[in-house]
Amino acid sequence: MLMNIILSVLTGYMLGNLNGAFLVSYLVANEDVRKRGSGNAGLTNFVRNYGGKPAVMVIGTDMGKAVLACLVGGALLAPFGQEIAGRAIGGLSVILGHAFPALLGFKGGKGILSGVTVALCLDWRIGLFVFGIFLAAYFLTHYVSLGSVLSSGSFGFIYAFFHRDQPVAICVGFILSFMIVWLHRGNIVRLVKGQERKTNLFGGGKKK
């Protein structure tokens, strides 16, 4: 079982290195998205610099790799009766790879797209609830970071409430919540100071 866990972690981490914003920025503009705007290899910075249409490819890449990591992790641990735990381990690993990609100098994105996808893979009902929190916060304020912090911060608590019998998944849920909120610590400071920029995810990028 230990070898299967290690394979799940390694597979998820390497899939996480396939950063959608980085790959698509080279595809559409032959440049590194991290050299633009905030320097972050994430969806928000991509949209602000390249617009909403090519962002569909970013979304597909980052969500797709999270699904694949969860499926692989689940399949590897299913023979031991730990499929959900395997999905959780694969999901945590893919977000670690996304946020700290060895192939990109450990400078990646903040993992909200992959995080929501992992939530959907663990329990689609809770995933939709978390995604709903993100959408509500975003459409009310147009702060992507606020939606990210509120949705990711709530995931661990919501999962623990509905699945008290899955300790590994609960632990992963709280780790994911903490990690994604921590990755947004700079955004939180700017939100408190009233300095955070709004973003039009479905339009041309920046929103005044």
N, C-alpha and C. Protein backbone atom coordinates (compact mmCIF):
# COMPACT_ATOMS: atom_id res chain seq x y z
N MET A 1 0.82 -1.21 0.00
CA MET A 1 0.00 0.00 0.00
C MET A 1 0.86 1.27 0.00
N LEU A 2 1.98 1.20 0.72
CA LEU A 2 2.87 2.37 0.79
C LEU A 2 3.37 2.77 -0.60
N MET A 3 3.73 1.78 -1.41
CA MET A 3 4.21 2.08 -2.75
C MET A 3 3.12 2.75 -3.59
N ASN A 4 1.88 2.30 -3.42
CA ASN A 4 0.78 2.90 -4.15
C ASN A 4 0.54 4.35 -3.71
N ILE A 5 0.71 4.62 -2.43
CA ILE A 5 0.57 5.99 -1.93
C ILE A 5 1.66 6.87 -2.54
N ILE A 6 2.88 6.35 -2.56
CA ILE A 6 4.00 7.11 -3.14
C ILE A 6 3.75 7.39 -4.61
N LEU A 7 3.26 6.40 -5.35
CA LEU A 7 2.95 6.58 -6.77
C LEU A 7 1.85 7.63 -6.96
N SER A 8 0.87 7.60 -6.07
CA SER A 8 -0.21 8.58 -6.14
C SER A 8 0.32 9.99 -5.93
N VAL A 9 1.19 10.14 -4.94
CA VAL A 9 1.77 11.45 -4.64
C VAL A 9 2.63 11.95 -5.81
N LEU A 10 3.48 11.09 -6.32
CA LEU A 10 4.38 11.49 -7.42
C LEU A 10 3.59 11.82 -8.69
N THR A 11 2.60 10.99 -9.01
CA THR A 11 1.78 11.24 -10.21
C THR A 11 1.04 12.56 -10.08
N GLY A 12 0.40 12.77 -8.93
CA GLY A 12 -0.33 14.01 -8.72
C GLY A 12 0.57 15.22 -8.78
N TYR A 13 1.72 15.13 -8.15
CA TYR A 13 2.64 16.27 -8.14
C TYR A 13 3.13 16.61 -9.54
N MET A 14 3.50 15.61 -10.32
CA MET A 14 3.99 15.88 -11.67
C MET A 14 2.88 16.41 -12.56
N LEU A 15 1.65 15.93 -12.39
CA LEU A 15 0.53 16.49 -13.15
C LEU A 15 0.33 17.96 -12.77
N GLY A 16 0.53 18.28 -11.49
CA GLY A 16 0.39 19.65 -11.04
C GLY A 16 1.36 20.60 -11.70
N ASN A 17 2.51 20.07 -12.13
CA ASN A 17 3.51 20.90 -12.81
C ASN A 17 3.05 21.38 -14.18
N LEU A 18 2.00 20.76 -14.71
CA LEU A 18 1.45 21.18 -16.01
C LEU A 18 0.54 22.38 -15.78
N ASN A 19 1.14 23.53 -15.61
CA ASN A 19 0.41 24.75 -15.26
C ASN A 19 -0.29 25.33 -16.48
N GLY A 20 -1.63 25.43 -16.39
CA GLY A 20 -2.40 25.90 -17.53
C GLY A 20 -2.06 27.31 -17.97
N ALA A 21 -1.95 28.24 -17.03
CA ALA A 21 -1.65 29.63 -17.38
C ALA A 21 -0.29 29.75 -18.06
N PHE A 22 0.70 29.02 -17.55
CA PHE A 22 2.04 29.04 -18.13
C PHE A 22 2.03 28.47 -19.55
N LEU A 23 1.41 27.31 -19.72
CA LEU A 23 1.40 26.65 -21.03
C LEU A 23 0.63 27.45 -22.07
N VAL A 24 -0.53 27.95 -21.70
CA VAL A 24 -1.37 28.67 -22.67
C VAL A 24 -0.79 30.04 -23.00
N SER A 25 -0.10 30.68 -22.05
CA SER A 25 0.53 31.97 -22.35
C SER A 25 1.60 31.81 -23.43
N TYR A 26 2.30 30.69 -23.41
CA TYR A 26 3.28 30.44 -24.47
C TYR A 26 2.58 30.10 -25.79
N LEU A 27 1.44 29.44 -25.68
CA LEU A 27 0.70 29.06 -26.89
C LEU A 27 0.12 30.28 -27.60
N VAL A 28 -0.43 31.23 -26.84
CA VAL A 28 -1.12 32.36 -27.46
C VAL A 28 -0.22 33.59 -27.65
N ALA A 29 0.84 33.69 -26.86
CA ALA A 29 1.67 34.90 -26.94
C ALA A 29 3.17 34.62 -26.93
N ASN A 30 3.53 33.35 -26.86
CA ASN A 30 4.94 32.96 -26.83
C ASN A 30 5.71 33.67 -25.72
N GLU A 31 5.10 33.76 -24.54
CA GLU A 31 5.78 34.36 -23.39
C GLU A 31 5.28 33.72 -22.10
N ASP A 32 6.03 33.96 -21.04
CA ASP A 32 5.71 33.41 -19.73
C ASP A 32 4.77 34.36 -19.00
N VAL A 33 3.58 33.88 -18.63
CA VAL A 33 2.60 34.71 -17.93
C VAL A 33 3.16 35.29 -16.64
N ARG A 34 4.16 34.63 -16.06
CA ARG A 34 4.74 35.11 -14.80
C ARG A 34 5.57 36.37 -14.98
N LYS A 35 5.82 36.76 -16.23
CA LYS A 35 6.54 38.01 -16.49
C LYS A 35 5.58 39.18 -16.70
N ARG A 36 4.30 38.90 -16.52
CA ARG A 36 3.27 39.93 -16.68
C ARG A 36 2.53 40.16 -15.36
N GLY A 37 1.99 41.34 -15.20
CA GLY A 37 1.09 41.64 -14.08
C GLY A 37 1.64 41.30 -12.71
N SER A 38 0.90 40.46 -11.98
CA SER A 38 1.28 40.10 -10.62
C SER A 38 2.42 39.10 -10.56
N GLY A 39 2.75 38.50 -11.70
CA GLY A 39 3.80 37.49 -11.73
C GLY A 39 3.33 36.12 -11.31
N ASN A 40 2.03 35.97 -11.12
CA ASN A 40 1.47 34.69 -10.68
C ASN A 40 1.02 33.86 -11.88
N ALA A 41 1.29 32.56 -11.83
CA ALA A 41 0.90 31.67 -12.92
C ALA A 41 -0.48 31.09 -12.63
N GLY A 42 -1.47 31.98 -12.55
CA GLY A 42 -2.83 31.56 -12.24
C GLY A 42 -3.84 32.18 -13.19
N LEU A 43 -5.10 31.78 -13.04
CA LEU A 43 -6.15 32.21 -13.96
C LEU A 43 -6.37 33.72 -13.93
N THR A 44 -6.39 34.31 -12.74
CA THR A 44 -6.68 35.75 -12.64
C THR A 44 -5.65 36.58 -13.39
N ASN A 45 -4.38 36.31 -13.16
CA ASN A 45 -3.32 37.06 -13.84
C ASN A 45 -3.36 36.80 -15.34
N PHE A 46 -3.70 35.57 -15.73
CA PHE A 46 -3.80 35.25 -17.15
C PHE A 46 -4.90 36.07 -17.81
N VAL A 47 -6.10 36.10 -17.20
CA VAL A 47 -7.22 36.84 -17.77
C VAL A 47 -6.91 38.32 -17.87
N ARG A 48 -6.28 38.87 -16.86
CA ARG A 48 -5.95 40.29 -16.87
C ARG A 48 -5.02 40.66 -18.02
N ASN A 49 -4.20 39.70 -18.45
CA ASN A 49 -3.20 40.02 -19.47
C ASN A 49 -3.53 39.50 -20.87
N TYR A 50 -4.34 38.44 -20.94
CA TYR A 50 -4.62 37.84 -22.25
C TYR A 50 -6.10 37.74 -22.59
N GLY A 51 -6.96 38.13 -21.65
CA GLY A 51 -8.40 38.12 -21.92
C GLY A 51 -9.06 36.81 -21.54
N GLY A 52 -10.38 36.77 -21.70
CA GLY A 52 -11.17 35.64 -21.23
C GLY A 52 -11.23 34.45 -22.16
N LYS A 53 -11.16 34.68 -23.47
CA LYS A 53 -11.36 33.57 -24.41
C LYS A 53 -10.28 32.48 -24.28
N PRO A 54 -8.98 32.82 -24.33
CA PRO A 54 -7.99 31.76 -24.19
C PRO A 54 -7.94 31.16 -22.78
N ALA A 55 -8.58 31.85 -21.82
CA ALA A 55 -8.60 31.34 -20.44
C ALA A 55 -9.36 30.02 -20.34
N VAL A 56 -10.22 29.74 -21.33
CA VAL A 56 -10.95 28.46 -21.34
C VAL A 56 -9.96 27.30 -21.37
N MET A 57 -8.87 27.47 -22.10
CA MET A 57 -7.85 26.42 -22.17
C MET A 57 -7.13 26.28 -20.83
N VAL A 58 -6.93 27.39 -20.14
CA VAL A 58 -6.31 27.34 -18.81
C VAL A 58 -7.21 26.57 -17.85
N ILE A 59 -8.49 26.89 -17.87
CA ILE A 59 -9.45 26.21 -17.01
C ILE A 59 -9.47 24.72 -17.30
N GLY A 60 -9.51 24.37 -18.58
CA GLY A 60 -9.55 22.95 -18.96
C GLY A 60 -8.31 22.20 -18.51
N THR A 61 -7.15 22.84 -18.63
CA THR A 61 -5.90 22.20 -18.23
C THR A 61 -5.84 21.98 -16.73
N ASP A 62 -6.12 23.03 -15.96
CA ASP A 62 -5.97 22.94 -14.51
C ASP A 62 -7.04 22.06 -13.86
N MET A 63 -8.24 22.07 -14.42
CA MET A 63 -9.28 21.17 -13.89
C MET A 63 -9.03 19.74 -14.35
N GLY A 64 -8.60 19.58 -15.59
CA GLY A 64 -8.36 18.24 -16.12
C GLY A 64 -7.26 17.50 -15.38
N LYS A 65 -6.18 18.20 -15.06
CA LYS A 65 -5.08 17.52 -14.36
C LYS A 65 -5.50 17.13 -12.95
N ALA A 66 -6.37 17.94 -12.32
CA ALA A 66 -6.84 17.61 -10.97
C ALA A 66 -7.74 16.38 -11.00
N VAL A 67 -8.61 16.29 -12.00
CA VAL A 67 -9.47 15.10 -12.16
C VAL A 67 -8.61 13.86 -12.35
N LEU A 68 -7.62 13.97 -13.22
CA LEU A 68 -6.76 12.81 -13.52
C LEU A 68 -5.98 12.38 -12.27
N ALA A 69 -5.46 13.35 -11.52
CA ALA A 69 -4.71 13.02 -10.31
C ALA A 69 -5.59 12.31 -9.29
N CYS A 70 -6.82 12.78 -9.13
CA CYS A 70 -7.76 12.14 -8.19
C CYS A 70 -8.13 10.74 -8.65
N LEU A 71 -8.36 10.57 -9.94
CA LEU A 71 -8.73 9.26 -10.46
C LEU A 71 -7.59 8.25 -10.30
N VAL A 72 -6.37 8.71 -10.59
CA VAL A 72 -5.21 7.82 -10.44
C VAL A 72 -5.02 7.44 -8.97
N GLY A 73 -5.08 8.44 -8.09
CA GLY A 73 -4.92 8.16 -6.66
C GLY A 73 -6.00 7.21 -6.16
N GLY A 74 -7.23 7.43 -6.58
CA GLY A 74 -8.33 6.56 -6.18
C GLY A 74 -8.15 5.14 -6.68
N ALA A 75 -7.71 5.00 -7.93
CA ALA A 75 -7.51 3.67 -8.51
C ALA A 75 -6.38 2.92 -7.81
N LEU A 76 -5.34 3.64 -7.42
CA LEU A 76 -4.19 2.99 -6.78
C LEU A 76 -4.52 2.50 -5.37
N LEU A 77 -5.40 3.19 -4.68
CA LEU A 77 -5.73 2.79 -3.31
C LEU A 77 -7.05 2.03 -3.19
N ALA A 78 -7.80 1.94 -4.29
CA ALA A 78 -9.07 1.21 -4.27
C ALA A 78 -8.91 -0.26 -3.86
N PRO A 79 -7.85 -0.96 -4.31
CA PRO A 79 -7.69 -2.36 -3.90
C PRO A 79 -7.56 -2.54 -2.38
N PHE A 80 -7.22 -1.48 -1.67
CA PHE A 80 -7.07 -1.55 -0.22
C PHE A 80 -8.30 -0.97 0.50
N GLY A 81 -9.37 -0.72 -0.27
CA GLY A 81 -10.58 -0.17 0.31
C GLY A 81 -10.47 1.29 0.69
N GLN A 82 -9.55 2.03 0.06
CA GLN A 82 -9.29 3.43 0.41
C GLN A 82 -9.37 4.34 -0.81
N GLU A 83 -10.39 4.13 -1.65
CA GLU A 83 -10.48 4.91 -2.88
C GLU A 83 -10.62 6.41 -2.61
N ILE A 84 -11.49 6.80 -1.67
CA ILE A 84 -11.67 8.22 -1.39
C ILE A 84 -10.40 8.82 -0.82
N ALA A 85 -9.73 8.08 0.06
CA ALA A 85 -8.45 8.55 0.61
C ALA A 85 -7.44 8.73 -0.52
N GLY A 86 -7.44 7.80 -1.48
CA GLY A 86 -6.53 7.90 -2.61
C GLY A 86 -6.81 9.13 -3.46
N ARG A 87 -8.10 9.41 -3.69
CA ARG A 87 -8.45 10.63 -4.43
C ARG A 87 -7.97 11.87 -3.68
N ALA A 88 -8.14 11.86 -2.36
CA ALA A 88 -7.71 13.01 -1.56
C ALA A 88 -6.21 13.21 -1.62
N ILE A 89 -5.46 12.13 -1.53
CA ILE A 89 -4.00 12.21 -1.60
C ILE A 89 -3.55 12.70 -2.98
N GLY A 90 -4.16 12.14 -4.03
CA GLY A 90 -3.83 12.60 -5.38
C GLY A 90 -4.18 14.06 -5.57
N GLY A 91 -5.33 14.49 -5.00
CA GLY A 91 -5.76 15.88 -5.10
C GLY A 91 -4.82 16.83 -4.39
N LEU A 92 -4.41 16.47 -3.18
CA LEU A 92 -3.46 17.31 -2.45
C LEU A 92 -2.15 17.43 -3.22
N SER A 93 -1.70 16.32 -3.79
CA SER A 93 -0.42 16.31 -4.51
C SER A 93 -0.46 17.17 -5.76
N VAL A 94 -1.59 17.14 -6.49
CA VAL A 94 -1.67 17.94 -7.71
C VAL A 94 -1.66 19.43 -7.38
N ILE A 95 -2.26 19.82 -6.27
CA ILE A 95 -2.25 21.23 -5.90
C ILE A 95 -0.87 21.66 -5.41
N LEU A 96 -0.17 20.77 -4.71
CA LEU A 96 1.21 21.06 -4.33
C LEU A 96 2.06 21.26 -5.58
N GLY A 97 1.84 20.41 -6.59
CA GLY A 97 2.59 20.55 -7.84
C GLY A 97 2.24 21.81 -8.58
N HIS A 98 0.98 22.23 -8.48
CA HIS A 98 0.55 23.46 -9.14
C HIS A 98 1.14 24.70 -8.45
N ALA A 99 1.14 24.68 -7.13
CA ALA A 99 1.63 25.83 -6.38
C ALA A 99 3.15 25.91 -6.33
N PHE A 100 3.79 24.75 -6.25
CA PHE A 100 5.25 24.70 -6.13
C PHE A 100 5.83 23.73 -7.16
N PRO A 101 5.74 24.09 -8.45
CA PRO A 101 6.18 23.17 -9.52
C PRO A 101 7.70 23.14 -9.68
N ALA A 102 8.28 21.98 -9.50
CA ALA A 102 9.72 21.83 -9.65
C ALA A 102 10.18 22.18 -11.06
N LEU A 103 9.35 21.85 -12.06
CA LEU A 103 9.72 22.11 -13.45
C LEU A 103 9.66 23.59 -13.81
N LEU A 104 9.05 24.41 -12.96
CA LEU A 104 8.93 25.85 -13.22
C LEU A 104 9.59 26.67 -12.12
N GLY A 105 10.61 26.10 -11.51
CA GLY A 105 11.34 26.84 -10.49
C GLY A 105 10.55 27.06 -9.21
N PHE A 106 9.59 26.19 -8.94
CA PHE A 106 8.75 26.25 -7.73
C PHE A 106 7.93 27.54 -7.63
N LYS A 107 7.64 28.14 -8.78
CA LYS A 107 6.85 29.36 -8.82
C LYS A 107 5.61 29.12 -9.68
N GLY A 108 4.52 28.74 -9.02
CA GLY A 108 3.31 28.39 -9.76
C GLY A 108 2.13 29.27 -9.42
N GLY A 109 0.94 28.68 -9.43
CA GLY A 109 -0.29 29.41 -9.15
C GLY A 109 -0.78 29.14 -7.73
N LYS A 110 -1.99 29.59 -7.46
CA LYS A 110 -2.52 29.48 -6.10
C LYS A 110 -3.52 28.35 -5.92
N GLY A 111 -3.85 27.64 -6.99
CA GLY A 111 -4.53 26.38 -6.88
C GLY A 111 -6.03 26.38 -6.70
N ILE A 112 -6.70 27.52 -6.92
CA ILE A 112 -8.14 27.54 -6.64
C ILE A 112 -8.93 26.69 -7.64
N LEU A 113 -8.58 26.74 -8.93
CA LEU A 113 -9.28 25.93 -9.93
C LEU A 113 -9.11 24.44 -9.64
N SER A 114 -7.86 24.05 -9.41
CA SER A 114 -7.60 22.65 -9.10
C SER A 114 -8.24 22.26 -7.78
N GLY A 115 -8.25 23.19 -6.82
CA GLY A 115 -8.84 22.91 -5.52
C GLY A 115 -10.33 22.64 -5.60
N VAL A 116 -11.05 23.46 -6.36
CA VAL A 116 -12.49 23.24 -6.54
C VAL A 116 -12.73 21.91 -7.24
N THR A 117 -11.87 21.58 -8.19
CA THR A 117 -12.02 20.31 -8.91
C THR A 117 -11.81 19.12 -7.99
N VAL A 118 -10.81 19.23 -7.12
CA VAL A 118 -10.57 18.16 -6.14
C VAL A 118 -11.79 18.00 -5.23
N ALA A 119 -12.37 19.11 -4.81
CA ALA A 119 -13.58 19.05 -3.98
C ALA A 119 -14.70 18.32 -4.71
N LEU A 120 -14.86 18.59 -6.01
CA LEU A 120 -15.88 17.92 -6.81
C LEU A 120 -15.60 16.42 -6.91
N CYS A 121 -14.32 16.06 -7.01
CA CYS A 121 -13.96 14.65 -7.14
C CYS A 121 -14.18 13.88 -5.84
N LEU A 122 -14.05 14.56 -4.71
CA LEU A 122 -14.26 13.90 -3.42
C LEU A 122 -15.74 13.74 -3.10
N ASP A 123 -16.51 14.78 -3.38
CA ASP A 123 -17.96 14.74 -3.20
C ASP A 123 -18.54 15.87 -4.04
N TRP A 124 -19.17 15.51 -5.16
CA TRP A 124 -19.60 16.52 -6.12
C TRP A 124 -20.59 17.51 -5.50
N ARG A 125 -21.37 17.05 -4.51
CA ARG A 125 -22.33 17.96 -3.87
C ARG A 125 -21.62 19.04 -3.08
N ILE A 126 -20.60 18.63 -2.32
CA ILE A 126 -19.82 19.60 -1.55
C ILE A 126 -19.01 20.49 -2.49
N GLY A 127 -18.50 19.88 -3.58
CA GLY A 127 -17.76 20.67 -4.56
C GLY A 127 -18.61 21.77 -5.16
N LEU A 128 -19.87 21.45 -5.49
CA LEU A 128 -20.77 22.47 -6.03
C LEU A 128 -21.08 23.54 -4.98
N PHE A 129 -21.20 23.14 -3.73
CA PHE A 129 -21.45 24.10 -2.66
C PHE A 129 -20.28 25.06 -2.53
N VAL A 130 -19.07 24.52 -2.54
CA VAL A 130 -17.85 25.35 -2.44
C VAL A 130 -17.76 26.28 -3.65
N PHE A 131 -18.03 25.74 -4.84
CA PHE A 131 -17.99 26.56 -6.05
C PHE A 131 -19.05 27.65 -5.98
N GLY A 132 -20.20 27.33 -5.41
CA GLY A 132 -21.25 28.33 -5.24
C GLY A 132 -20.82 29.48 -4.35
N ILE A 133 -20.07 29.16 -3.29
CA ILE A 133 -19.54 30.21 -2.41
C ILE A 133 -18.61 31.13 -3.19
N PHE A 134 -17.76 30.52 -4.02
CA PHE A 134 -16.84 31.32 -4.83
C PHE A 134 -17.61 32.25 -5.77
N LEU A 135 -18.59 31.68 -6.49
CA LEU A 135 -19.35 32.49 -7.45
C LEU A 135 -20.12 33.61 -6.77
N ALA A 136 -20.74 33.32 -5.63
CA ALA A 136 -21.50 34.34 -4.91
C ALA A 136 -20.59 35.49 -4.48
N ALA A 137 -19.44 35.16 -3.91
CA ALA A 137 -18.51 36.20 -3.46
C ALA A 137 -17.97 36.99 -4.65
N TYR A 138 -17.67 36.27 -5.75
CA TYR A 138 -17.13 36.96 -6.93
C TYR A 138 -18.15 37.90 -7.56
N PHE A 139 -19.35 37.41 -7.80
CA PHE A 139 -20.35 38.25 -8.48
C PHE A 139 -20.81 39.43 -7.62
N LEU A 140 -20.73 39.28 -6.31
CA LEU A 140 -21.11 40.38 -5.42
C LEU A 140 -20.02 41.45 -5.32
N THR A 141 -18.76 41.04 -5.47
CA THR A 141 -17.66 41.98 -5.24
C THR A 141 -16.69 42.13 -6.42
N HIS A 142 -16.65 41.12 -7.30
CA HIS A 142 -15.67 41.06 -8.40
C HIS A 142 -14.23 40.94 -7.90
N TYR A 143 -14.09 40.47 -6.66
CA TYR A 143 -12.77 40.12 -6.14
C TYR A 143 -12.60 38.61 -6.24
N VAL A 144 -11.78 38.16 -7.19
CA VAL A 144 -11.53 36.73 -7.33
C VAL A 144 -10.88 36.18 -6.07
N SER A 145 -9.97 36.94 -5.49
CA SER A 145 -9.25 36.48 -4.31
C SER A 145 -10.19 36.26 -3.13
N LEU A 146 -11.19 37.11 -2.97
CA LEU A 146 -12.14 36.95 -1.87
C LEU A 146 -12.94 35.67 -2.05
N GLY A 147 -13.42 35.43 -3.27
CA GLY A 147 -14.13 34.19 -3.54
C GLY A 147 -13.26 32.97 -3.30
N SER A 148 -11.98 33.08 -3.69
CA SER A 148 -11.06 31.96 -3.50
C SER A 148 -10.84 31.66 -2.03
N VAL A 149 -10.62 32.70 -1.24
CA VAL A 149 -10.36 32.51 0.18
C VAL A 149 -11.58 31.95 0.90
N LEU A 150 -12.76 32.49 0.62
CA LEU A 150 -13.97 32.03 1.30
C LEU A 150 -14.32 30.60 0.92
N SER A 151 -14.21 30.27 -0.36
CA SER A 151 -14.58 28.93 -0.81
C SER A 151 -13.59 27.88 -0.32
N SER A 152 -12.30 28.16 -0.48
CA SER A 152 -11.30 27.18 -0.05
C SER A 152 -11.26 27.06 1.47
N GLY A 153 -11.44 28.17 2.16
CA GLY A 153 -11.42 28.14 3.61
C GLY A 153 -12.56 27.35 4.21
N SER A 154 -13.67 27.26 3.48
CA SER A 154 -14.84 26.55 3.99
C SER A 154 -14.80 25.05 3.72
N PHE A 155 -13.99 24.63 2.76
CA PHE A 155 -14.05 23.25 2.29
C PHE A 155 -13.79 22.22 3.39
N GLY A 156 -12.73 22.40 4.14
CA GLY A 156 -12.39 21.44 5.18
C GLY A 156 -13.51 21.26 6.19
N PHE A 157 -14.12 22.36 6.60
CA PHE A 157 -15.20 22.31 7.59
C PHE A 157 -16.44 21.63 7.02
N ILE A 158 -16.78 21.97 5.77
CA ILE A 158 -17.97 21.36 5.15
C ILE A 158 -17.78 19.87 4.96
N TYR A 159 -16.59 19.48 4.50
CA TYR A 159 -16.33 18.06 4.28
C TYR A 159 -16.37 17.29 5.59
N ALA A 160 -15.77 17.84 6.64
CA ALA A 160 -15.77 17.17 7.95
C ALA A 160 -17.19 17.01 8.48
N PHE A 161 -18.03 17.98 8.21
CA PHE A 161 -19.42 17.92 8.71
C PHE A 161 -20.20 16.77 8.07
N PHE A 162 -20.00 16.56 6.77
CA PHE A 162 -20.76 15.55 6.05
C PHE A 162 -20.10 14.17 6.03
N HIS A 163 -18.78 14.10 6.27
CA HIS A 163 -18.07 12.83 6.14
C HIS A 163 -17.16 12.59 7.35
N ARG A 164 -17.75 12.43 8.49
CA ARG A 164 -16.98 12.21 9.72
C ARG A 164 -16.25 10.86 9.71
N ASP A 165 -16.66 9.97 8.82
CA ASP A 165 -16.08 8.63 8.77
C ASP A 165 -14.90 8.52 7.81
N GLN A 166 -14.41 9.65 7.28
CA GLN A 166 -13.29 9.63 6.32
C GLN A 166 -12.15 10.51 6.84
N PRO A 167 -11.41 10.03 7.83
CA PRO A 167 -10.38 10.86 8.48
C PRO A 167 -9.28 11.35 7.54
N VAL A 168 -8.86 10.50 6.60
CA VAL A 168 -7.78 10.92 5.68
C VAL A 168 -8.26 12.06 4.79
N ALA A 169 -9.45 11.91 4.22
CA ALA A 169 -10.01 12.95 3.35
C ALA A 169 -10.26 14.24 4.13
N ILE A 170 -10.72 14.10 5.38
CA ILE A 170 -10.95 15.29 6.21
C ILE A 170 -9.64 16.02 6.46
N CYS A 171 -8.60 15.26 6.79
CA CYS A 171 -7.28 15.86 7.03
C CYS A 171 -6.78 16.58 5.78
N VAL A 172 -6.92 15.92 4.63
CA VAL A 172 -6.51 16.55 3.37
C VAL A 172 -7.33 17.81 3.11
N GLY A 173 -8.63 17.74 3.41
CA GLY A 173 -9.49 18.91 3.20
C GLY A 173 -9.03 20.12 3.99
N PHE A 174 -8.65 19.90 5.25
CA PHE A 174 -8.18 21.02 6.06
C PHE A 174 -6.81 21.52 5.60
N ILE A 175 -5.96 20.59 5.16
CA ILE A 175 -4.65 21.00 4.63
C ILE A 175 -4.83 21.86 3.38
N LEU A 176 -5.73 21.42 2.48
CA LEU A 176 -6.00 22.19 1.26
C LEU A 176 -6.55 23.57 1.60
N SER A 177 -7.49 23.61 2.54
CA SER A 177 -8.07 24.89 2.95
C SER A 177 -6.99 25.84 3.46
N PHE A 178 -6.16 25.33 4.36
CA PHE A 178 -5.11 26.17 4.94
C PHE A 178 -4.12 26.62 3.88
N MET A 179 -3.71 25.68 3.01
CA MET A 179 -2.68 26.00 2.02
C MET A 179 -3.15 27.06 1.03
N ILE A 180 -4.37 26.92 0.52
CA ILE A 180 -4.85 27.87 -0.47
C ILE A 180 -5.08 29.24 0.16
N VAL A 181 -5.60 29.27 1.40
CA VAL A 181 -5.76 30.55 2.09
C VAL A 181 -4.39 31.18 2.33
N TRP A 182 -3.41 30.38 2.72
CA TRP A 182 -2.06 30.90 2.97
C TRP A 182 -1.44 31.45 1.68
N LEU A 183 -1.68 30.78 0.56
CA LEU A 183 -1.15 31.26 -0.71
C LEU A 183 -1.78 32.60 -1.12
N HIS A 184 -2.94 32.89 -0.56
CA HIS A 184 -3.63 34.16 -0.84
C HIS A 184 -3.38 35.21 0.24
N ARG A 185 -2.38 35.00 1.09
CA ARG A 185 -2.16 35.93 2.21
C ARG A 185 -1.91 37.35 1.75
N GLY A 186 -1.19 37.51 0.64
CA GLY A 186 -0.95 38.85 0.10
C GLY A 186 -2.23 39.52 -0.35
N ASN A 187 -3.12 38.72 -0.97
CA ASN A 187 -4.41 39.24 -1.40
C ASN A 187 -5.25 39.66 -0.20
N ILE A 188 -5.18 38.88 0.87
CA ILE A 188 -5.96 39.19 2.07
C ILE A 188 -5.52 40.54 2.64
N VAL A 189 -4.23 40.77 2.67
CA VAL A 189 -3.71 42.05 3.16
C VAL A 189 -4.22 43.20 2.30
N ARG A 190 -4.18 43.01 0.97
CA ARG A 190 -4.66 44.07 0.06
C ARG A 190 -6.16 44.28 0.19
N LEU A 191 -6.91 43.20 0.42
CA LEU A 191 -8.36 43.34 0.62
C LEU A 191 -8.65 44.18 1.86
N VAL A 192 -7.94 43.90 2.93
CA VAL A 192 -8.13 44.64 4.19
C VAL A 192 -7.80 46.12 4.01
N LYS A 193 -6.76 46.39 3.21
CA LYS A 193 -6.33 47.77 2.98
C LYS A 193 -7.12 48.46 1.87
N GLY A 194 -8.01 47.72 1.21
CA GLY A 194 -8.77 48.30 0.11
C GLY A 194 -7.95 48.50 -1.15
N GLN A 195 -6.88 47.73 -1.31
CA GLN A 195 -5.97 47.90 -2.44
C GLN A 195 -6.06 46.77 -3.48
N GLU A 196 -6.92 45.79 -3.23
CA GLU A 196 -7.02 44.65 -4.15
C GLU A 196 -7.74 45.07 -5.43
N ARG A 197 -7.26 44.55 -6.56
CA ARG A 197 -7.87 44.88 -7.85
C ARG A 197 -9.03 43.93 -8.16
N LYS A 198 -10.07 44.49 -8.77
CA LYS A 198 -11.19 43.67 -9.21
C LYS A 198 -10.88 43.11 -10.59
N THR A 199 -11.53 42.00 -10.90
CA THR A 199 -11.27 41.33 -12.18
C THR A 199 -12.56 40.90 -12.84
N ASN A 200 -12.64 41.09 -14.15
CA ASN A 200 -13.78 40.62 -14.93
C ASN A 200 -13.36 39.31 -15.61
N LEU A 201 -13.66 38.19 -14.95
CA LEU A 201 -13.25 36.90 -15.47
C LEU A 201 -13.91 36.55 -16.80
N PHE A 202 -15.07 37.15 -17.07
CA PHE A 202 -15.83 36.78 -18.26
C PHE A 202 -15.75 37.85 -19.35
N GLY A 203 -14.80 38.76 -19.18
CA GLY A 203 -14.64 39.81 -20.16
C GLY A 203 -13.19 40.01 -20.53
N GLY A 204 -12.76 41.26 -20.46
CA GLY A 204 -11.42 41.59 -20.92
C GLY A 204 -10.35 41.57 -19.87
N GLY A 205 -10.67 41.19 -18.64
CA GLY A 205 -9.61 41.13 -17.64
C GLY A 205 -9.86 42.05 -16.48
N LYS A 206 -9.17 43.20 -16.45
CA LYS A 206 -9.30 44.12 -15.33
C LYS A 206 -10.69 44.75 -15.30
N LYS A 207 -11.16 45.01 -14.09
CA LYS A 207 -12.45 45.68 -13.93
C LYS A 207 -12.23 46.91 -13.08
N LYS A 208 -12.68 48.04 -13.54
CA LYS A 208 -12.47 49.27 -12.81
C LYS A 208 -13.61 49.48 -11.81
